[in-house]
Amino acid sequence: MSTKRIIYISLFVLLGILLQFVAHAVLEIWYIGLLLNDFERYGLGLSWEVWVQIHSVLSFVFLALGVLFGYQQGKHWWQKIYIEHAYR
């Protein structure tokens, strides 16, 4: 694998991580706002400690999905642009 391809795919992985961070932040800001306004309704019968555990698990899941998405997109666009020359 060439150095250019490694850098290209690595930058897409970084992009995937950044996009998941934004998606995770938007989701958390929205739902924490609901929890703070009416915990009884939106807390689903769970305690704050359980919500912290949910946050920890979802943080890992979002990160893994961001890395996988970035890697897949990096490979896809490398193929399209540098192998197939689809956008010349």
Protein backbone atom coordinates (compact mmCIF):
# COMPACT_ATOMS: atom_id res chain seq x y z
CA MET A 1 0.00 0.00 0.00
CA SER A 2 1.43 3.37 -0.99
CA THR A 3 2.11 6.14 1.50
CA LYS A 4 -0.30 8.42 -0.36
CA ARG A 5 -3.10 5.85 0.01
CA ILE A 6 -2.37 5.35 3.72
CA ILE A 7 -2.50 9.10 4.35
CA TYR A 8 -5.67 9.46 2.24
CA ILE A 9 -7.53 6.72 4.10
CA SER A 10 -6.19 7.89 7.48
CA LEU A 11 -7.55 11.38 6.82
CA PHE A 12 -10.94 9.88 5.98
CA VAL A 13 -10.80 7.97 9.28
CA LEU A 14 -10.08 11.27 11.04
CA LEU A 15 -13.05 12.82 9.20
CA GLY A 16 -15.25 9.93 10.37
CA ILE A 17 -14.10 10.50 13.96
CA LEU A 18 -14.86 14.22 13.71
CA LEU A 19 -18.29 13.58 12.19
CA GLN A 20 -19.21 11.06 14.89
CA PHE A 21 -18.09 13.54 17.53
CA VAL A 22 -20.46 16.18 16.14
CA ALA A 23 -23.33 13.66 15.82
CA HIS A 24 -22.72 12.40 19.37
CA ALA A 25 -22.59 15.96 20.74
CA VAL A 26 -25.84 16.97 19.02
CA LEU A 27 -27.59 13.84 20.28
CA GLU A 28 -26.33 14.33 23.83
CA ILE A 29 -27.14 18.04 23.99
CA TRP A 30 -30.65 17.33 22.77
CA TYR A 31 -31.34 14.42 25.12
CA ILE A 32 -29.64 15.90 28.19
CA GLY A 33 -31.84 18.95 27.67
CA LEU A 34 -34.88 16.68 27.79
CA LEU A 35 -33.58 14.93 30.90
CA LEU A 36 -32.92 18.21 32.70
CA ASN A 37 -36.36 19.58 31.85
CA ASP A 38 -38.37 16.48 32.81
CA PHE A 39 -36.29 13.62 34.17
CA GLU A 40 -39.34 11.65 35.29
CA ARG A 41 -40.72 11.54 31.76
CA TYR A 42 -37.53 11.12 29.70
CA GLY A 43 -35.38 9.25 32.25
CA LEU A 44 -37.14 5.98 31.31
CA GLY A 45 -37.01 4.90 34.94
CA LEU A 46 -33.20 4.87 34.93
CA SER A 47 -30.92 6.64 37.40
CA TRP A 48 -28.27 9.23 36.50
CA GLU A 49 -25.59 6.58 37.14
CA VAL A 50 -27.16 4.34 34.49
CA TRP A 51 -27.32 7.27 32.07
CA VAL A 52 -23.58 7.84 32.63
CA GLN A 53 -22.96 4.16 31.78
CA ILE A 54 -25.12 4.52 28.65
CA HIS A 55 -23.01 7.54 27.72
CA SER A 56 -19.80 5.53 28.12
CA VAL A 57 -21.05 2.67 25.97
CA LEU A 58 -22.47 4.96 23.29
CA SER A 59 -19.23 6.96 23.21
CA PHE A 60 -17.34 3.80 22.31
CA VAL A 61 -20.00 2.70 19.80
CA PHE A 62 -20.05 6.10 18.09
CA LEU A 63 -16.24 6.16 17.93
CA ALA A 64 -16.10 2.68 16.40
CA LEU A 65 -18.80 3.58 13.86
CA GLY A 66 -16.96 6.80 12.98
CA VAL A 67 -13.70 4.93 12.40
CA LEU A 68 -15.43 2.25 10.32
CA PHE A 69 -17.35 4.83 8.30
CA GLY A 70 -14.19 6.86 7.62
CA TYR A 71 -12.22 3.77 6.61
CA GLN A 72 -14.98 2.56 4.28
CA GLN A 73 -15.37 5.99 2.69
CA GLY A 74 -11.61 6.40 2.30
CA LYS A 75 -11.35 3.09 0.46
CA HIS A 76 -14.42 3.90 -1.64
CA TRP A 77 -13.22 7.33 -2.77
CA TRP A 78 -9.66 6.13 -3.32
CA GLN A 79 -11.05 3.53 -5.72
CA LYS A 80 -13.30 6.06 -7.48
CA ILE A 81 -10.77 8.87 -7.83
CA TYR A 82 -7.38 7.17 -8.19
CA ILE A 83 -8.19 3.75 -9.66
CA GLU A 84 -11.28 4.28 -11.80
CA HIS A 85 -10.57 7.97 -12.55
CA ALA A 86 -14.33 8.49 -12.40
CA TYR A 87 -14.17 12.26 -11.84
CA ARG A 88 -11.74 13.50 -14.47
